[in-house]
C-alpha atoms as a PDB file:
ATOM      1  CA  UNK A   1     102.121  86.405  71.211  1.00  0.00           C
ATOM      2  CA  UNK A   2     104.304  89.393  70.535  1.00  0.00           C
ATOM      3  CA  UNK A   3     104.789  92.729  68.863  1.00  0.00           C
ATOM      4  CA  UNK A   4     105.740  93.205  65.216  1.00  0.00           C
ATOM      5  CA  UNK A   5     106.377  96.316  63.162  1.00  0.00           C
ATOM      6  CA  UNK A   6     103.816  96.825  60.398  1.00  0.00           C
ATOM      7  CA  UNK A   7     105.109 100.143  59.048  1.00  0.00           C
ATOM      8  CA  UNK A   8     108.800 100.887  59.485  1.00  0.00           C
ATOM      9  CA  UNK A   9     109.959 104.292  60.771  1.00  0.00           C
ATOM     10  CA  UNK A  10     110.462 106.961  58.135  1.00  0.00           C
ATOM     11  CA  UNK A  11     112.775 109.100  60.294  1.00  0.00           C
ATOM     12  CA  UNK A  12     115.722 108.166  62.470  1.00  0.00           C
ATOM     13  CA  UNK A  13     116.241 109.951  65.809  1.00  0.00           C
ATOM     14  CA  UNK A  14     119.536 111.399  64.559  1.00  0.00           C
ATOM     15  CA  UNK A  15     120.424 112.948  61.236  1.00  0.00           C
ATOM     16  CA  UNK A  16     123.363 111.740  59.195  1.00  0.00           C
ATOM     17  CA  UNK A  17     124.991 115.146  59.733  1.00  0.00           C
ATOM     18  CA  UNK A  18     124.785 114.694  63.532  1.00  0.00           C
ATOM     19  CA  UNK A  19     126.378 111.256  63.269  1.00  0.00           C
ATOM     20  CA  UNK A  20     129.167 112.525  61.006  1.00  0.00           C
ATOM     21  CA  UNK A  21     129.859 115.473  63.299  1.00  0.00           C
ATOM     22  CA  UNK A  22     130.152 113.102  66.272  1.00  0.00           C
ATOM     23  CA  UNK A  23     132.539 110.830  64.373  1.00  0.00           C
ATOM     24  CA  UNK A  24     134.433 113.748  62.786  1.00  0.00           C
ATOM     25  CA  UNK A  25     133.804 112.287  59.335  1.00  0.00           C
ATOM     26  CA  UNK A  26     133.906 114.488  56.243  1.00  0.00           C
ATOM     27  CA  UNK A  27     132.692 113.590  52.787  1.00  0.00           C
ATOM     28  CA  UNK A  28     129.916 111.292  51.667  1.00  0.00           C
ATOM     29  CA  UNK A  29     131.892 108.112  50.927  1.00  0.00           C
ATOM     30  CA  UNK A  30     130.622 106.320  54.036  1.00  0.00           C
ATOM     31  CA  UNK A  31     127.115 107.769  54.240  1.00  0.00           C
ATOM     32  CA  UNK A  32     125.411 104.456  53.447  1.00  0.00           C
ATOM     33  CA  UNK A  33     127.485 102.624  56.060  1.00  0.00           C
ATOM     34  CA  UNK A  34     126.810 105.272  58.713  1.00  0.00           C
ATOM     35  CA  UNK A  35     123.071 105.170  57.968  1.00  0.00           C
ATOM     36  CA  UNK A  36     123.180 101.402  58.398  1.00  0.00           C
ATOM     37  CA  UNK A  37     125.042 101.732  61.720  1.00  0.00           C
ATOM     38  CA  UNK A  38     122.523 104.314  62.932  1.00  0.00           C
ATOM     39  CA  UNK A  39     119.618 101.987  62.206  1.00  0.00           C
ATOM     40  CA  UNK A  40     121.424  99.101  63.921  1.00  0.00           C
ATOM     41  CA  UNK A  41     122.132 101.301  66.964  1.00  0.00           C
ATOM     42  CA  UNK A  42     118.483 102.360  67.203  1.00  0.00           C
ATOM     43  CA  UNK A  43     117.211  98.793  66.897  1.00  0.00           C
ATOM     44  CA  UNK A  44     119.652  97.689  69.601  1.00  0.00           C
ATOM     45  CA  UNK A  45     118.511 100.458  71.946  1.00  0.00           C
ATOM     46  CA  UNK A  46     114.839  99.694  71.235  1.00  0.00           C
ATOM     47  CA  UNK A  47     115.346  96.023  72.077  1.00  0.00           C
ATOM     48  CA  UNK A  48     117.357  96.755  75.224  1.00  0.00           C
ATOM     49  CA  UNK A  49     114.867  99.330  76.473  1.00  0.00           C
ATOM     50  CA  UNK A  50     111.729  97.536  75.231  1.00  0.00           C
ATOM     51  CA  UNK A  51     110.735 100.964  73.920  1.00  0.00           C
ATOM     52  CA  UNK A  52     109.859 102.305  70.468  1.00  0.00           C
ATOM     53  CA  UNK A  53     112.224 105.201  69.760  1.00  0.00           C
ATOM     54  CA  UNK A  54     111.451 105.940  66.097  1.00  0.00           C
ATOM     55  CA  UNK A  55     107.756 106.378  65.293  1.00  0.00           C
ATOM     56  CA  UNK A  56     106.274 103.260  63.680  1.00  0.00           C
ATOM     57  CA  UNK A  57     103.037 101.301  63.329  1.00  0.00           C
ATOM     58  CA  UNK A  58     103.009  98.115  65.397  1.00  0.00           C
ATOM     59  CA  UNK A  59     100.732  95.131  65.902  1.00  0.00           C
ATOM     60  CA  UNK A  60     100.441  93.321  69.205  1.00  0.00           C
ATOM     61  CA  UNK A  61      99.009  89.822  69.210  1.00  0.00           C
ATOM     62  CA  UNK A  62      97.606  88.359  72.436  1.00  0.00           C
ATOM     63  CA  UNK A  63      95.477  85.307  73.163  1.00  0.00           C
ATOM     64  CA  UNK A  64      92.635  87.072  74.973  1.00  0.00           C
ATOM     65  CA  UNK A  65      91.527  90.341  76.512  1.00  0.00           C
ATOM     66  CA  UNK A  66      92.670  91.106  80.086  1.00  0.00           C
ATOM     67  CA  UNK A  67      90.594  90.188  83.120  1.00  0.00           C
ATOM     68  CA  UNK A  68      90.392  93.826  84.261  1.00  0.00           C
ATOM     69  CA  UNK A  69      89.314  97.002  82.452  1.00  0.00           C
ATOM     70  CA  UNK A  70      92.806  98.072  81.288  1.00  0.00           C
ATOM     71  CA  UNK A  71      94.842  96.846  78.352  1.00  0.00           C
ATOM     72  CA  UNK A  72      98.429  98.068  78.796  1.00  0.00           C
ATOM     73  CA  UNK A  73     100.169  98.599  75.455  1.00  0.00           C
ATOM     74  CA  UNK A  74     103.809  97.435  75.099  1.00  0.00           C
ATOM     75  CA  UNK A  75     106.729  99.397  73.634  1.00  0.00           C
ATOM     76  CA  UNK A  76     105.982 102.914  74.834  1.00  0.00           C
ATOM     77  CA  UNK A  77     105.488 105.730  74.167  1.00  0.00           C
ATOM     78  CA  UNK A  78     102.008 105.115  72.752  1.00  0.00           C
ATOM     79  CA  UNK A  79     100.797 107.662  70.206  1.00  0.00           C
ATOM     80  CA  UNK A  80      97.421 106.264  69.149  1.00  0.00           C
ATOM     81  CA  UNK A  81      95.351 103.114  68.693  1.00  0.00           C
ATOM     82  CA  UNK A  82      94.452 102.325  65.086  1.00  0.00           C
ATOM     83  CA  UNK A  83      92.231  99.307  65.712  1.00  0.00           C
ATOM     84  CA  UNK A  84      91.506  96.441  68.082  1.00  0.00           C
ATOM     85  CA  UNK A  85      90.433  93.313  66.230  1.00  0.00           C
ATOM     86  CA  UNK A  86      89.470  89.958  67.720  1.00  0.00           C
ATOM     87  CA  UNK A  87      88.277  86.524  66.652  1.00  0.00           C
ATOM     88  CA  UNK A  88      84.823  85.819  68.062  1.00  0.00           C
ATOM     89  CA  UNK A  89      83.582  82.379  69.217  1.00  0.00           C
ATOM     90  CA  UNK A  90      82.326  81.686  65.656  1.00  0.00           C
ATOM     91  CA  UNK A  91      85.902  82.208  64.367  1.00  0.00           C
ATOM     92  CA  UNK A  92      84.927  85.445  62.591  1.00  0.00           C
ATOM     93  CA  UNK A  93      87.189  88.511  62.834  1.00  0.00           C
ATOM     94  CA  UNK A  94      85.500  91.531  64.404  1.00  0.00           C
ATOM     95  CA  UNK A  95      86.598  95.080  65.215  1.00  0.00           C
ATOM     96  CA  UNK A  96      86.031  96.274  68.772  1.00  0.00           C
ATOM     97  CA  UNK A  97      84.185  99.585  68.431  1.00  0.00           C
ATOM     98  CA  UNK A  98      86.227 102.550  69.757  1.00  0.00           C
ATOM     99  CA  UNK A  99      83.035 103.887  71.338  1.00  0.00           C
ATOM    100  CA  UNK A 100      83.624 101.265  74.051  1.00  0.00           C
ATOM    101  CA  UNK A 101      87.022 102.472  75.245  1.00  0.00           C
ATOM    102  CA  UNK A 102      89.289 105.389  76.084  1.00  0.00           C
ATOM    103  CA  UNK A 103      92.898 105.622  74.929  1.00  0.00           C
ATOM    104  CA  UNK A 104      95.416 106.997  77.434  1.00  0.00           C
ATOM    105  CA  UNK A 105      98.639 107.758  75.517  1.00  0.00           C
ATOM    106  CA  UNK A 106     100.123 109.826  78.349  1.00  0.00           C
ATOM    107  CA  UNK A 107     100.672 106.984  80.809  1.00  0.00           C
ATOM    108  CA  UNK A 108     103.779 104.848  80.884  1.00  0.00           C
ATOM    109  CA  UNK A 109     102.767 102.483  79.426  1.00  0.00           C
ATOM    110  CA  UNK A 110      99.908 103.824  77.366  1.00  0.00           C
ATOM    111  CA  UNK A 111      96.683 101.976  77.879  1.00  0.00           C
ATOM    112  CA  UNK A 112      93.223 101.245  76.575  1.00  0.00           C
ATOM    113  CA  UNK A 113      90.557 101.593  79.286  1.00  0.00           C
ATOM    114  CA  UNK A 114      86.981 100.354  79.021  1.00  0.00           C
ATOM    115  CA  UNK A 115      84.263 102.971  79.319  1.00  0.00           C
ATOM    116  CA  UNK A 116      81.666 102.592  82.044  1.00  0.00           C
ATOM    117  CA  UNK A 117      79.155  99.908  81.080  1.00  0.00           C
ATOM    118  CA  UNK A 118      81.427  98.358  78.426  1.00  0.00           C
ATOM    119  CA  UNK A 119      83.065  94.940  78.541  1.00  0.00           C
ATOM    120  CA  UNK A 120      85.734  93.180  76.553  1.00  0.00           C
ATOM    121  CA  UNK A 121      84.215  90.899  73.920  1.00  0.00           C
ATOM    122  CA  UNK A 122      84.338  87.134  74.221  1.00  0.00           C
ATOM    123  CA  UNK A 123      87.020  85.654  71.971  1.00  0.00           C
ATOM    124  CA  UNK A 124      87.583  82.305  70.367  1.00  0.00           C
ATOM    125  CA  UNK A 125      89.888  80.004  72.332  1.00  0.00           C
ATOM    126  CA  UNK A 126      92.833  80.192  69.959  1.00  0.00           C
ATOM    127  CA  UNK A 127      96.311  81.723  70.004  1.00  0.00           C
ATOM    128  CA  UNK A 128      96.497  85.343  68.910  1.00  0.00           C
ATOM    129  CA  UNK A 129      92.761  85.940  69.003  1.00  0.00           C
ATOM    130  CA  UNK A 130      93.255  89.664  69.784  1.00  0.00           C
ATOM    131  CA  UNK A 131      95.242  91.967  67.489  1.00  0.00           C
ATOM    132  CA  UNK A 132      95.942  95.558  68.529  1.00  0.00           C
ATOM    133  CA  UNK A 133      97.324  97.863  65.836  1.00  0.00           C
ATOM    134  CA  UNK A 134      98.814 101.097  67.105  1.00  0.00           C
ATOM    135  CA  UNK A 135     101.341 103.832  66.540  1.00  0.00           C
ATOM    136  CA  UNK A 136     104.197 104.234  69.009  1.00  0.00           C
ATOM    137  CA  UNK A 137     107.460 106.094  69.335  1.00  0.00           C
ATOM    138  CA  UNK A 138     108.566 109.679  69.795  1.00  0.00           C
ATOM    139  CA  UNK A 139     106.660 112.081  67.543  1.00  0.00           C
ATOM    140  CA  UNK A 140     109.822 113.284  65.786  1.00  0.00           C
ATOM    141  CA  UNK A 141     113.592 113.415  66.203  1.00  0.00           C
ATOM    142  CA  UNK A 142     113.368 116.606  68.264  1.00  0.00           C
ATOM    143  CA  UNK A 143     111.216 114.768  70.860  1.00  0.00           C
ATOM    144  CA  UNK A 144     113.778 112.002  71.526  1.00  0.00           C
ATOM    145  CA  UNK A 145     115.502 112.572  74.905  1.00  0.00           C
ATOM    146  CA  UNK A 146     119.092 113.811  74.707  1.00  0.00           C
ATOM    147  CA  UNK A 147     120.521 110.879  76.674  1.00  0.00           C
ATOM    148  CA  UNK A 148     118.949 108.376  74.259  1.00  0.00           C
ATOM    149  CA  UNK A 149     120.479 110.271  71.343  1.00  0.00           C
ATOM    150  CA  UNK A 150     123.855 110.267  73.081  1.00  0.00           C
ATOM    151  CA  UNK A 151     123.630 106.504  73.634  1.00  0.00           C
ATOM    152  CA  UNK A 152     122.911 106.052  69.919  1.00  0.00           C
ATOM    153  CA  UNK A 153     125.922 108.180  68.999  1.00  0.00           C
ATOM    154  CA  UNK A 154     128.152 106.067  71.257  1.00  0.00           C
ATOM    155  CA  UNK A 155     126.796 102.863  69.716  1.00  0.00           C
ATOM    156  CA  UNK A 156     127.341 104.174  66.183  1.00  0.00           C
ATOM    157  CA  UNK A 157     130.866 105.248  67.165  1.00  0.00           C
ATOM    158  CA  UNK A 158     131.605 101.780  68.513  1.00  0.00           C
ATOM    159  CA  UNK A 159     130.329 100.098  65.343  1.00  0.00           C
ATOM    160  CA  UNK A 160     132.285 102.511  63.173  1.00  0.00           C
ATOM    161  CA  UNK A 161     135.578 102.045  65.022  1.00  0.00           C
ATOM    162  CA  UNK A 162     135.242  98.258  65.474  1.00  0.00           C
ATOM    163  CA  UNK A 163     134.177  96.749  62.181  1.00  0.00           C
ATOM    164  CA  UNK A 164     134.847  93.146  63.146  1.00  0.00           C
ATOM    165  CA  UNK A 165     133.136  90.833  65.644  1.00  0.00           C
ATOM    166  CA  UNK A 166     136.318  90.396  67.707  1.00  0.00           C
ATOM    167  CA  UNK A 167     138.619  93.101  69.066  1.00  0.00           C
ATOM    168  CA  UNK A 168     142.171  91.743  69.091  1.00  0.00           C
ATOM    169  CA  UNK A 169     145.207  93.092  70.892  1.00  0.00           C
ATOM    170  CA  UNK A 170     143.492  95.658  73.105  1.00  0.00           C
ATOM    171  CA  UNK A 171     141.961  95.692  76.552  1.00  0.00           C
ATOM    172  CA  UNK A 172     138.398  96.987  76.316  1.00  0.00           C
ATOM    173  CA  UNK A 173     136.653  98.630  79.243  1.00  0.00           C
ATOM    174  CA  UNK A 174     133.138  99.995  79.323  1.00  0.00           C
ATOM    175  CA  UNK A 175     132.895 103.697  80.008  1.00  0.00           C
ATOM    176  CA  UNK A 176     131.538 104.471  83.499  1.00  0.00           C
ATOM    177  CA  UNK A 177     128.922 106.697  81.894  1.00  0.00           C
ATOM    178  CA  UNK A 178     128.593 104.770  78.669  1.00  0.00           C
ATOM    179  CA  UNK A 179     125.724 103.303  76.687  1.00  0.00           C
ATOM    180  CA  UNK A 180     124.345 101.165  79.503  1.00  0.00           C
ATOM    181  CA  UNK A 181     124.171 104.075  81.932  1.00  0.00           C
ATOM    182  CA  UNK A 182     122.452 106.253  79.319  1.00  0.00           C
ATOM    183  CA  UNK A 183     119.874 103.588  78.398  1.00  0.00           C
ATOM    184  CA  UNK A 184     119.042 102.407  81.931  1.00  0.00           C
ATOM    185  CA  UNK A 185     116.574 105.218  82.768  1.00  0.00           C
ATOM    186  CA  UNK A 186     114.663 104.387  79.579  1.00  0.00           C
ATOM    187  CA  UNK A 187     114.450 100.626  80.095  1.00  0.00           C
ATOM    188  CA  UNK A 188     110.824  99.682  80.343  1.00  0.00           C
ATOM    189  CA  UNK A 189     109.607  96.555  82.060  1.00  0.00           C
ATOM    190  CA  UNK A 190     106.142  96.847  83.504  1.00  0.00           C
ATOM    191  CA  UNK A 191     104.674  93.779  85.186  1.00  0.00           C
ATOM    192  CA  UNK A 192     101.208  94.830  84.026  1.00  0.00           C
ATOM    193  CA  UNK A 193     102.308  94.580  80.387  1.00  0.00           C
ATOM    194  CA  UNK A 194     104.520  91.523  80.670  1.00  0.00           C
ATOM    195  CA  UNK A 195     101.723  89.674  82.484  1.00  0.00           C
ATOM    196  CA  UNK A 196      99.588  90.255  79.387  1.00  0.00           C
ATOM    197  CA  UNK A 197     102.267  89.028  76.963  1.00  0.00           C
END
């Protein structure tokens, strides 16, 4: 069970120019390195917040459909559902017809809700018998909240200034309003989703 990225993001939440302005870096000599640090910072924030920041296509594998009418989708914000596939009792892969459900992308988390008179299909008793493919993340860089962008800039700055795994000869203290404080409001842990994982 888990979530994997099927299609990687095509746009980062910050431009290279924004990163360079924050770091006061001129020239293009370190552009590749800074792009790498930006991606690493975003991935770190996504893991810590259990949230998809850059828009991507994801697949969520679960063993069975939920007992109630709602399927809560991990790694918000949800944009859309591409497909819901399942393995039936004959071990054949089927697609659950979208006519049977509503998609609520506005909730936190987004969810799939059965329509009146519909029911989740019966699945084969095997691991990963349900596969939900969906798009999640902020629509574009302009939609990413300012505090998340600031946290990414601080993370990139830390990686840029400390290029080794160990910091020797200096006492390091976390800023009172540093990365952790900026990410905390965006950390997502919903018992309804984690119960389904």
